[in-house]
Amino acid sequence: MAATPDLSVDFMDMTNDRHLLSRVVDARPGYEPVVGAYAVVSDEGAEPKVARILSIDEDGIIDLEVLPGSVEAHRDLLAPA
C-alpha cells in the first residue's frame, strides 16, 4: 500500500546519522507537523519513509530523523493517538 507523504523532502540531503530537513510549507494540505510526532516523508520517485519530527524552528524549518525500514514496518507509530 502506497503511503501519502506528509512532508516533501530531498533524500539526497540526508546525513549519515539519518537526519534531514524539511519545511512547514512543504507539508501536504491539512497536515500540521508537531515536534515528537512521526510523519511519512518522501522525495519524488522515491520510496516513502517514516521520520520523527525532532524540532521546528521559528522559520518553519523541520529537523527530522528518518527511521530505517518501510512505512509498513512503522505503521503503528503513525496511528492517531
PDB file of N, CA and C in Angstrom:
ATOM      1  N   MET A   1       0.850  -1.174   0.000  1.00  0.00           N
ATOM      2  CA  MET A   1       0.000   0.000   0.000  1.00  0.00           C
ATOM      3  C   MET A   1       0.896   1.238   0.000  1.00  0.00           C
ATOM      4  N   ALA A   2       0.640   2.155  -0.926  1.00  0.00           N
ATOM      5  CA  ALA A   2       1.423   3.375  -1.020  1.00  0.00           C
ATOM      6  C   ALA A   2       0.956   4.369   0.043  1.00  0.00           C
ATOM      7  N   ALA A   3       1.910   4.963   0.713  1.00  0.00           N
ATOM      8  CA  ALA A   3       1.601   5.942   1.753  1.00  0.00           C
ATOM      9  C   ALA A   3       1.661   7.342   1.151  1.00  0.00           C
ATOM     10  N   THR A   4       0.699   8.174   1.499  1.00  0.00           N
ATOM     11  CA  THR A   4       0.710   9.568   1.068  1.00  0.00           C
ATOM     12  C   THR A   4       1.674  10.332   1.961  1.00  0.00           C
ATOM     13  N   PRO A   5       2.671  10.992   1.367  1.00  0.00           N
ATOM     14  CA  PRO A   5       3.639  11.724   2.193  1.00  0.00           C
ATOM     15  C   PRO A   5       3.006  12.895   2.932  1.00  0.00           C
ATOM     16  N   ASP A   6       3.407  13.053   4.194  1.00  0.00           N
ATOM     17  CA  ASP A   6       3.007  14.212   4.975  1.00  0.00           C
ATOM     18  C   ASP A   6       3.916  15.396   4.667  1.00  0.00           C
ATOM     19  N   LEU A   7       5.202  15.084   4.415  1.00  0.00           N
ATOM     20  CA  LEU A   7       6.204  16.118   4.150  1.00  0.00           C
ATOM     21  C   LEU A   7       7.039  15.737   2.938  1.00  0.00           C
ATOM     22  N   SER A   8       7.324  16.708   2.099  1.00  0.00           N
ATOM     23  CA  SER A   8       8.243  16.500   0.979  1.00  0.00           C
ATOM     24  C   SER A   8       9.665  16.752   1.483  1.00  0.00           C
ATOM     25  N   VAL A   9      10.577  15.897   1.045  1.00  0.00           N
ATOM     26  CA  VAL A   9      11.985  16.019   1.441  1.00  0.00           C
ATOM     27  C   VAL A   9      12.870  15.747   0.231  1.00  0.00           C
ATOM     28  N   ASP A  10      14.160  15.951   0.396  1.00  0.00           N
ATOM     29  CA  ASP A  10      15.150  15.585  -0.605  1.00  0.00           C
ATOM     30  C   ASP A  10      16.092  14.588   0.062  1.00  0.00           C
ATOM     31  N   PHE A  11      15.889  13.291  -0.214  1.00  0.00           N
ATOM     32  CA  PHE A  11      16.693  12.251   0.427  1.00  0.00           C
ATOM     33  C   PHE A  11      18.183  12.397   0.132  1.00  0.00           C
ATOM     34  N   MET A  12      18.540  13.101  -0.940  1.00  0.00           N
ATOM     35  CA  MET A  12      19.959  13.312  -1.254  1.00  0.00           C
ATOM     36  C   MET A  12      20.645  14.173  -0.193  1.00  0.00           C
ATOM     37  N   ASP A  13      19.859  14.917   0.593  1.00  0.00           N
ATOM     38  CA  ASP A  13      20.414  15.772   1.636  1.00  0.00           C
ATOM     39  C   ASP A  13      20.511  15.080   2.997  1.00  0.00           C
ATOM     40  N   MET A  14      20.112  13.804   3.074  1.00  0.00           N
ATOM     41  CA  MET A  14      20.125  13.102   4.358  1.00  0.00           C
ATOM     42  C   MET A  14      21.572  12.879   4.822  1.00  0.00           C
ATOM     43  N   THR A  15      21.803  13.131   6.115  1.00  0.00           N
ATOM     44  CA  THR A  15      23.134  12.957   6.698  1.00  0.00           C
ATOM     45  C   THR A  15      23.376  11.482   7.042  1.00  0.00           C
ATOM     46  N   ASN A  16      24.604  11.157   7.397  1.00  0.00           N
ATOM     47  CA  ASN A  16      24.945   9.779   7.768  1.00  0.00           C
ATOM     48  C   ASN A  16      24.191   9.297   8.997  1.00  0.00           C
ATOM     49  N   ASP A  17      23.782  10.226   9.862  1.00  0.00           N
ATOM     50  CA  ASP A  17      23.025   9.824  11.049  1.00  0.00           C
ATOM     51  C   ASP A  17      21.507   9.927  10.808  1.00  0.00           C
ATOM     52  N   ARG A  18      21.119   9.921   9.534  1.00  0.00           N
ATOM     53  CA  ARG A  18      19.723   9.835   9.087  1.00  0.00           C
ATOM     54  C   ARG A  18      18.906  11.092   9.390  1.00  0.00           C
ATOM     55  N   HIS A  19      19.581  12.234   9.553  1.00  0.00           N
ATOM     56  CA  HIS A  19      18.867  13.497   9.761  1.00  0.00           C
ATOM     57  C   HIS A  19      18.615  14.166   8.414  1.00  0.00           C
ATOM     58  N   LEU A  20      17.508  14.901   8.366  1.00  0.00           N
ATOM     59  CA  LEU A  20      17.064  15.523   7.132  1.00  0.00           C
ATOM     60  C   LEU A  20      16.228  16.744   7.499  1.00  0.00           C
ATOM     61  N   LEU A  21      16.221  17.737   6.640  1.00  0.00           N
ATOM     62  CA  LEU A  21      15.413  18.925   6.883  1.00  0.00           C
ATOM     63  C   LEU A  21      14.253  18.989   5.892  1.00  0.00           C
ATOM     64  N   SER A  22      13.157  19.545   6.352  1.00  0.00           N
ATOM     65  CA  SER A  22      12.011  19.865   5.506  1.00  0.00           C
ATOM     66  C   SER A  22      11.518  21.229   5.960  1.00  0.00           C
ATOM     67  N   ARG A  23      10.422  21.682   5.389  1.00  0.00           N
ATOM     68  CA  ARG A  23       9.845  22.977   5.762  1.00  0.00           C
ATOM     69  C   ARG A  23       8.352  22.815   5.977  1.00  0.00           C
ATOM     70  N   VAL A  24       7.806  23.617   6.862  1.00  0.00           N
ATOM     71  CA  VAL A  24       6.368  23.580   7.116  1.00  0.00           C
ATOM     72  C   VAL A  24       5.597  23.802   5.817  1.00  0.00           C
ATOM     73  N   VAL A  25       6.109  24.670   4.943  1.00  0.00           N
ATOM     74  CA  VAL A  25       5.421  24.933   3.672  1.00  0.00           C
ATOM     75  C   VAL A  25       5.422  23.730   2.741  1.00  0.00           C
ATOM     76  N   ASP A  26       6.263  22.718   3.023  1.00  0.00           N
ATOM     77  CA  ASP A  26       6.320  21.506   2.212  1.00  0.00           C
ATOM     78  C   ASP A  26       5.403  20.409   2.741  1.00  0.00           C
ATOM     79  N   ALA A  27       4.590  20.739   3.737  1.00  0.00           N
ATOM     80  CA  ALA A  27       3.633  19.767   4.283  1.00  0.00           C
ATOM     81  C   ALA A  27       2.432  19.658   3.346  1.00  0.00           C
ATOM     82  N   ARG A  28       1.851  18.465   3.288  1.00  0.00           N
ATOM     83  CA  ARG A  28       0.641  18.295   2.475  1.00  0.00           C
ATOM     84  C   ARG A  28      -0.483  19.123   3.099  1.00  0.00           C
ATOM     85  N   PRO A  29      -1.425  19.563   2.297  1.00  0.00           N
ATOM     86  CA  PRO A  29      -2.543  20.346   2.834  1.00  0.00           C
ATOM     87  C   PRO A  29      -3.257  19.594   3.959  1.00  0.00           C
ATOM     88  N   GLY A  30      -3.492  20.286   5.049  1.00  0.00           N
ATOM     89  CA  GLY A  30      -4.189  19.701   6.191  1.00  0.00           C
ATOM     90  C   GLY A  30      -3.290  19.022   7.205  1.00  0.00           C
ATOM     91  N   TYR A  31      -2.000  18.839   6.887  1.00  0.00           N
ATOM     92  CA  TYR A  31      -1.073  18.199   7.830  1.00  0.00           C
ATOM     93  C   TYR A  31      -0.377  19.265   8.653  1.00  0.00           C
ATOM     94  N   GLU A  32      -0.431  19.116   9.968  1.00  0.00           N
ATOM     95  CA  GLU A  32       0.227  20.045  10.897  1.00  0.00           C
ATOM     96  C   GLU A  32       1.372  19.319  11.593  1.00  0.00           C
ATOM     97  N   PRO A  33       2.619  19.598  11.237  1.00  0.00           N
ATOM     98  CA  PRO A  33       3.748  18.948  11.905  1.00  0.00           C
ATOM     99  C   PRO A  33       3.824  19.341  13.379  1.00  0.00           C
ATOM    100  N   VAL A  34       4.134  18.352  14.234  1.00  0.00           N
ATOM    101  CA  VAL A  34       4.234  18.558  15.674  1.00  0.00           C
ATOM    102  C   VAL A  34       5.519  17.878  16.157  1.00  0.00           C
ATOM    103  N   VAL A  35       6.299  18.584  16.953  1.00  0.00           N
ATOM    104  CA  VAL A  35       7.534  18.014  17.497  1.00  0.00           C
ATOM    105  C   VAL A  35       7.202  16.749  18.285  1.00  0.00           C
ATOM    106  N   GLY A  36       7.965  15.683  18.026  1.00  0.00           N
ATOM    107  CA  GLY A  36       7.776  14.403  18.699  1.00  0.00           C
ATOM    108  C   GLY A  36       6.885  13.443  17.937  1.00  0.00           C
ATOM    109  N   ALA A  37       6.150  13.953  16.954  1.00  0.00           N
ATOM    110  CA  ALA A  37       5.272  13.098  16.148  1.00  0.00           C
ATOM    111  C   ALA A  37       6.082  12.428  15.037  1.00  0.00           C
ATOM    112  N   TYR A  38       5.451  11.475  14.389  1.00  0.00           N
ATOM    113  CA  TYR A  38       6.050  10.783  13.252  1.00  0.00           C
ATOM    114  C   TYR A  38       5.297  11.177  11.993  1.00  0.00           C
ATOM    115  N   ALA A  39       6.014  11.253  10.880  1.00  0.00           N
ATOM    116  CA  ALA A  39       5.426  11.659   9.611  1.00  0.00           C
ATOM    117  C   ALA A  39       5.949  10.757   8.500  1.00  0.00           C
ATOM    118  N   VAL A  40       5.143  10.600   7.463  1.00  0.00           N
ATOM    119  CA  VAL A  40       5.606   9.933   6.248  1.00  0.00           C
ATOM    120  C   VAL A  40       6.285  11.007   5.400  1.00  0.00           C
ATOM    121  N   VAL A  41       7.521  10.730   5.002  1.00  0.00           N
ATOM    122  CA  VAL A  41       8.285  11.668   4.181  1.00  0.00           C
ATOM    123  C   VAL A  41       8.651  10.987   2.871  1.00  0.00           C
ATOM    124  N   SER A  42       8.733  11.794   1.816  1.00  0.00           N
ATOM    125  CA  SER A  42       9.094  11.214   0.527  1.00  0.00           C
ATOM    126  C   SER A  42       9.673  12.271  -0.393  1.00  0.00           C
ATOM    127  N   ASP A  43      10.419  11.769  -1.335  1.00  0.00           N
ATOM    128  CA  ASP A  43      11.040  12.546  -2.392  1.00  0.00           C
ATOM    129  C   ASP A  43      10.410  12.041  -3.681  1.00  0.00           C
ATOM    130  N   GLU A  44      10.235  12.895  -4.661  1.00  0.00           N
ATOM    131  CA  GLU A  44       9.632  12.475  -5.924  1.00  0.00           C
ATOM    132  C   GLU A  44      10.357  11.256  -6.489  1.00  0.00           C
ATOM    133  N   GLY A  45       9.609  10.195  -6.718  1.00  0.00           N
ATOM    134  CA  GLY A  45      10.165   8.981  -7.295  1.00  0.00           C
ATOM    135  C   GLY A  45      10.833   8.044  -6.309  1.00  0.00           C
ATOM    136  N   ALA A  46      10.837   8.397  -5.027  1.00  0.00           N
ATOM    137  CA  ALA A  46      11.495   7.567  -4.012  1.00  0.00           C
ATOM    138  C   ALA A  46      10.454   6.852  -3.156  1.00  0.00           C
ATOM    139  N   GLU A  47      10.876   5.784  -2.529  1.00  0.00           N
ATOM    140  CA  GLU A  47      10.026   5.044  -1.602  1.00  0.00           C
ATOM    141  C   GLU A  47       9.816   5.887  -0.340  1.00  0.00           C
ATOM    142  N   PRO A  48       8.569   6.063   0.092  1.00  0.00           N
ATOM    143  CA  PRO A  48       8.323   6.843   1.314  1.00  0.00           C
ATOM    144  C   PRO A  48       8.973   6.185   2.531  1.00  0.00           C
ATOM    145  N   LYS A  49       9.300   7.001   3.508  1.00  0.00           N
ATOM    146  CA  LYS A  49       9.878   6.549   4.776  1.00  0.00           C
ATOM    147  C   LYS A  49       9.134   7.224   5.919  1.00  0.00           C
ATOM    148  N   VAL A  50       9.351   6.731   7.135  1.00  0.00           N
ATOM    149  CA  VAL A  50       8.795   7.361   8.328  1.00  0.00           C
ATOM    150  C   VAL A  50       9.916   8.128   9.014  1.00  0.00           C
ATOM    151  N   ALA A  51       9.597   9.320   9.484  1.00  0.00           N
ATOM    152  CA  ALA A  51      10.583  10.150  10.188  1.00  0.00           C
ATOM    153  C   ALA A  51       9.957  10.724  11.448  1.00  0.00           C
ATOM    154  N   ARG A  52      10.799  10.884  12.472  1.00  0.00           N
ATOM    155  CA  ARG A  52      10.370  11.537  13.705  1.00  0.00           C
ATOM    156  C   ARG A  52      10.707  13.013  13.596  1.00  0.00           C
ATOM    157  N   ILE A  53       9.763  13.871  13.980  1.00  0.00           N
ATOM    158  CA  ILE A  53       9.976  15.317  13.948  1.00  0.00           C
ATOM    159  C   ILE A  53      10.715  15.703  15.224  1.00  0.00           C
ATOM    160  N   LEU A  54      11.961  16.151  15.068  1.00  0.00           N
ATOM    161  CA  LEU A  54      12.812  16.498  16.201  1.00  0.00           C
ATOM    162  C   LEU A  54      12.611  17.929  16.655  1.00  0.00           C
ATOM    163  N   SER A  55      12.456  18.839  15.705  1.00  0.00           N
ATOM    164  CA  SER A  55      12.258  20.242  16.052  1.00  0.00           C
ATOM    165  C   SER A  55      11.660  20.986  14.870  1.00  0.00           C
ATOM    166  N   ILE A  56      11.049  22.113  15.184  1.00  0.00           N
ATOM    167  CA  ILE A  56      10.544  23.042  14.170  1.00  0.00           C
ATOM    168  C   ILE A  56      10.957  24.425  14.640  1.00  0.00           C
ATOM    169  N   ASP A  57      11.753  25.121  13.830  1.00  0.00           N
ATOM    170  CA  ASP A  57      12.210  26.441  14.281  1.00  0.00           C
ATOM    171  C   ASP A  57      11.226  27.537  13.871  1.00  0.00           C
ATOM    172  N   GLU A  58      11.519  28.755  14.296  1.00  0.00           N
ATOM    173  CA  GLU A  58      10.612  29.875  14.057  1.00  0.00           C
ATOM    174  C   GLU A  58      10.470  30.228  12.578  1.00  0.00           C
ATOM    175  N   ASP A  59      11.396  29.752  11.748  1.00  0.00           N
ATOM    176  CA  ASP A  59      11.318  29.983  10.307  1.00  0.00           C
ATOM    177  C   ASP A  59      10.592  28.852   9.576  1.00  0.00           C
ATOM    178  N   GLY A  60      10.103  27.865  10.334  1.00  0.00           N
ATOM    179  CA  GLY A  60       9.368  26.755   9.732  1.00  0.00           C
ATOM    180  C   GLY A  60      10.241  25.634   9.205  1.00  0.00           C
ATOM    181  N   ILE A  61      11.509  25.609   9.618  1.00  0.00           N
ATOM    182  CA  ILE A  61      12.413  24.524   9.224  1.00  0.00           C
ATOM    183  C   ILE A  61      12.200  23.355  10.177  1.00  0.00           C
ATOM    184  N   ILE A  62      11.975  22.179   9.604  1.00  0.00           N
ATOM    185  CA  ILE A  62      11.687  20.967  10.379  1.00  0.00           C
ATOM    186  C   ILE A  62      12.900  20.056  10.335  1.00  0.00           C
ATOM    187  N   ASP A  63      13.430  19.699  11.498  1.00  0.00           N
ATOM    188  CA  ASP A  63      14.536  18.742  11.617  1.00  0.00           C
ATOM    189  C   ASP A  63      13.927  17.369  11.836  1.00  0.00           C
ATOM    190  N   LEU A  64      14.291  16.423  10.985  1.00  0.00           N
ATOM    191  CA  LEU A  64      13.724  15.077  11.000  1.00  0.00           C
ATOM    192  C   LEU A  64      14.798  14.026  11.228  1.00  0.00           C
ATOM    193  N   GLU A  65      14.408  12.920  11.834  1.00  0.00           N
ATOM    194  CA  GLU A  65      15.250  11.724  11.909  1.00  0.00           C
ATOM    195  C   GLU A  65      14.504  10.627  11.163  1.00  0.00           C
ATOM    196  N   VAL A  66      15.048  10.196  10.033  1.00  0.00           N
ATOM    197  CA  VAL A  66      14.410   9.190   9.197  1.00  0.00           C
ATOM    198  C   VAL A  66      14.681   7.809   9.780  1.00  0.00           C
ATOM    199  N   LEU A  67      13.629   7.030   9.965  1.00  0.00           N
ATOM    200  CA  LEU A  67      13.765   5.687  10.515  1.00  0.00           C
ATOM    201  C   LEU A  67      14.115   4.696   9.408  1.00  0.00           C
ATOM    202  N   PRO A  68      14.947   3.710   9.712  1.00  0.00           N
ATOM    203  CA  PRO A  68      15.242   2.688   8.705  1.00  0.00           C
ATOM    204  C   PRO A  68      14.015   1.797   8.509  1.00  0.00           C
ATOM    205  N   GLY A  69      13.884   1.232   7.331  1.00  0.00           N
ATOM    206  CA  GLY A  69      12.777   0.314   7.059  1.00  0.00           C
ATOM    207  C   GLY A  69      11.636   0.996   6.324  1.00  0.00           C
ATOM    208  N   SER A  70      10.643   0.201   6.037  1.00  0.00           N
ATOM    209  CA  SER A  70       9.498   0.661   5.251  1.00  0.00           C
ATOM    210  C   SER A  70       8.465   1.384   6.109  1.00  0.00           C
ATOM    211  N   VAL A  71       7.541   2.049   5.445  1.00  0.00           N
ATOM    212  CA  VAL A  71       6.427   2.680   6.144  1.00  0.00           C
ATOM    213  C   VAL A  71       5.620   1.615   6.873  1.00  0.00           C
ATOM    214  N   GLU A  72       5.394   0.490   6.242  1.00  0.00           N
ATOM    215  CA  GLU A  72       4.614  -0.588   6.865  1.00  0.00           C
ATOM    216  C   GLU A  72       5.259  -1.075   8.159  1.00  0.00           C
ATOM    217  N   ALA A  73       6.582  -1.086   8.214  1.00  0.00           N
ATOM    218  CA  ALA A  73       7.286  -1.534   9.420  1.00  0.00           C
ATOM    219  C   ALA A  73       7.047  -0.594  10.603  1.00  0.00           C
ATOM    220  N   HIS A  74       6.651   0.634  10.315  1.00  0.00           N
ATOM    221  CA  HIS A  74       6.441   1.641  11.367  1.00  0.00           C
ATOM    222  C   HIS A  74       5.004   2.156  11.397  1.00  0.00           C
ATOM    223  N   ARG A  75       4.089   1.432  10.802  1.00  0.00           N
ATOM    224  CA  ARG A  75       2.686   1.856  10.712  1.00  0.00           C
ATOM    225  C   ARG A  75       2.110   2.182  12.087  1.00  0.00           C
ATOM    226  N   ASP A  76       2.522   1.446  13.127  1.00  0.00           N
ATOM    227  CA  ASP A  76       1.993   1.687  14.479  1.00  0.00           C
ATOM    228  C   ASP A  76       2.366   3.071  15.015  1.00  0.00           C
ATOM    229  N   LEU A  77       3.483   3.640  14.556  1.00  0.00           N
ATOM    230  CA  LEU A  77       3.894   4.969  15.000  1.00  0.00           C
ATOM    231  C   LEU A  77       3.059   6.076  14.373  1.00  0.00           C
ATOM    232  N   LEU A  78       2.392   5.751  13.261  1.00  0.00           N
ATOM    233  CA  LEU A  78       1.620   6.740  12.533  1.00  0.00           C
ATOM    234  C   LEU A  78       0.158   6.770  12.937  1.00  0.00           C
ATOM    235  N   ALA A  79      -0.261   5.812  13.738  1.00  0.00           N
ATOM    236  CA  ALA A  79      -1.665   5.740  14.135  1.00  0.00           C
ATOM    237  C   ALA A  79      -2.021   6.941  15.007  1.00  0.00           C
ATOM    238  N   PRO A  80      -3.209   7.513  14.796  1.00  0.00           N
ATOM    239  CA  PRO A  80      -3.623   8.629  15.656  1.00  0.00           C
ATOM    240  C   PRO A  80      -3.734   8.191  17.102  1.00  0.00           C
ATOM    241  N   ALA A  81      -3.401   9.104  18.010  1.00  0.00           N
ATOM    242  CA  ALA A  81      -3.446   8.791  19.452  1.00  0.00           C
ATOM    243  C   ALA A  81      -4.870   8.666  19.940  1.00  0.00           C
TER     244      ALA A  81
END
